[in-house]
Amino acid sequence: MVPVPEIGPEIDGHEVDGPGWIYHPAEPDFPENWPEAIFMAKNGCPLSFTFETPSSALIEHRIAAHAAGVRAICRKIISAQSSGM
């Protein structure tokens, strides 16, 4: 599975910074429904990553993309720990 970024000038109402990338300031679109990443940023977490997939993709592909992303970051962390970083 190869991730395919959403194409267009906006993703979820936010201007695209690059293929599949948006910059979202640490302010909620709707304060009463804060996403976890914004809640964490407002409460002191300096950095977070959110894995998302296009809503238009098949659920099986979305699940596979998330699983691949989690496996990749786990390999990176294990590799960094093994090399003493």
Protein backbone atom coordinates (compact mmCIF):
# COMPACT_ATOMS: atom_id res chain seq x y z
CA MET A 1 0.00 0.00 0.00
CA VAL A 2 1.32 3.40 -1.00
CA PRO A 3 -0.35 6.41 0.62
CA VAL A 4 -1.90 8.84 -1.84
CA PRO A 5 -2.37 12.36 -0.49
CA GLU A 6 -5.63 14.16 -1.03
CA ILE A 7 -5.35 16.50 -3.99
CA GLY A 8 -6.81 19.98 -3.97
CA PRO A 9 -6.25 23.47 -2.61
CA GLU A 10 -7.86 22.57 0.75
CA ILE A 11 -8.10 19.61 3.11
CA ASP A 12 -10.90 19.73 5.68
CA GLY A 13 -11.26 23.48 5.08
CA HIS A 14 -7.54 24.26 5.60
CA GLU A 15 -5.10 25.54 2.97
CA VAL A 16 -2.67 22.86 1.75
CA ASP A 17 1.05 23.45 2.53
CA GLY A 18 2.22 20.59 0.29
CA PRO A 19 0.84 17.34 -1.10
CA GLY A 20 -1.22 15.89 1.75
CA TRP A 21 0.04 18.42 4.32
CA ILE A 22 -1.81 21.18 6.12
CA TYR A 23 -0.63 23.50 8.84
CA HIS A 24 -3.25 23.90 11.49
CA PRO A 25 -2.58 26.45 14.22
CA ALA A 26 -3.08 25.19 17.76
CA GLU A 27 -6.51 26.75 17.89
CA PRO A 28 -9.74 24.83 17.46
CA ASP A 29 -12.07 25.37 14.56
CA PHE A 30 -14.92 24.86 17.03
CA PRO A 31 -13.87 25.27 20.70
CA GLU A 32 -16.65 23.06 22.03
CA ASN A 33 -15.37 20.07 20.03
CA TRP A 34 -11.60 20.21 20.42
CA PRO A 35 -9.70 17.40 18.69
CA GLU A 36 -7.25 15.59 20.96
CA ALA A 37 -4.17 17.15 19.29
CA ILE A 38 -5.45 20.68 19.96
CA PHE A 39 -6.43 19.79 23.52
CA MET A 40 -2.92 18.43 24.11
CA ALA A 41 -1.29 21.53 22.55
CA LYS A 42 -3.36 23.86 24.72
CA ASN A 43 -2.39 21.83 27.79
CA GLY A 44 1.38 21.79 27.27
CA CYS A 45 2.21 19.08 24.72
CA PRO A 46 4.79 20.77 22.46
CA LEU A 47 4.49 18.40 19.49
CA SER A 48 2.02 15.87 18.19
CA PHE A 49 1.41 13.97 14.98
CA THR A 50 -1.99 13.05 13.68
CA PHE A 51 -2.33 10.23 11.19
CA GLU A 52 -5.26 10.80 8.86
CA THR A 53 -6.46 9.25 5.65
CA PRO A 54 -8.81 10.55 2.97
CA SER A 55 -12.45 9.98 3.88
CA SER A 56 -13.05 9.08 0.25
CA ALA A 57 -10.72 6.05 0.44
CA LEU A 58 -12.01 2.56 1.16
CA ILE A 59 -12.01 1.78 4.88
CA GLU A 60 -9.72 -1.21 4.28
CA HIS A 61 -7.15 1.07 2.62
CA ARG A 62 -7.46 3.63 5.39
CA ILE A 63 -6.86 0.99 8.06
CA ALA A 64 -3.88 -0.41 6.14
CA ALA A 65 -2.38 3.10 5.79
CA HIS A 66 -2.71 3.78 9.52
CA ALA A 67 -1.21 0.39 10.39
CA ALA A 68 1.72 1.03 8.01
CA GLY A 69 2.34 4.44 9.59
CA VAL A 70 2.32 3.05 13.12
CA ARG A 71 4.66 0.19 12.14
CA ALA A 72 7.06 2.64 10.48
CA ILE A 73 7.28 4.93 13.50
CA CYS A 74 7.71 1.96 15.84
CA ARG A 75 10.63 0.74 13.70
CA LYS A 76 12.18 4.23 13.84
CA ILE A 77 11.85 4.40 17.63
CA ILE A 78 13.29 0.91 18.13
CA SER A 79 16.16 1.68 15.73
CA ALA A 80 16.95 4.95 17.53
CA GLN A 81 16.92 3.23 20.92
CA SER A 82 19.15 0.41 19.64
CA SER A 83 21.72 2.87 18.31
CA GLY A 84 21.74 4.82 21.58
CA MET A 85 20.12 7.97 20.23
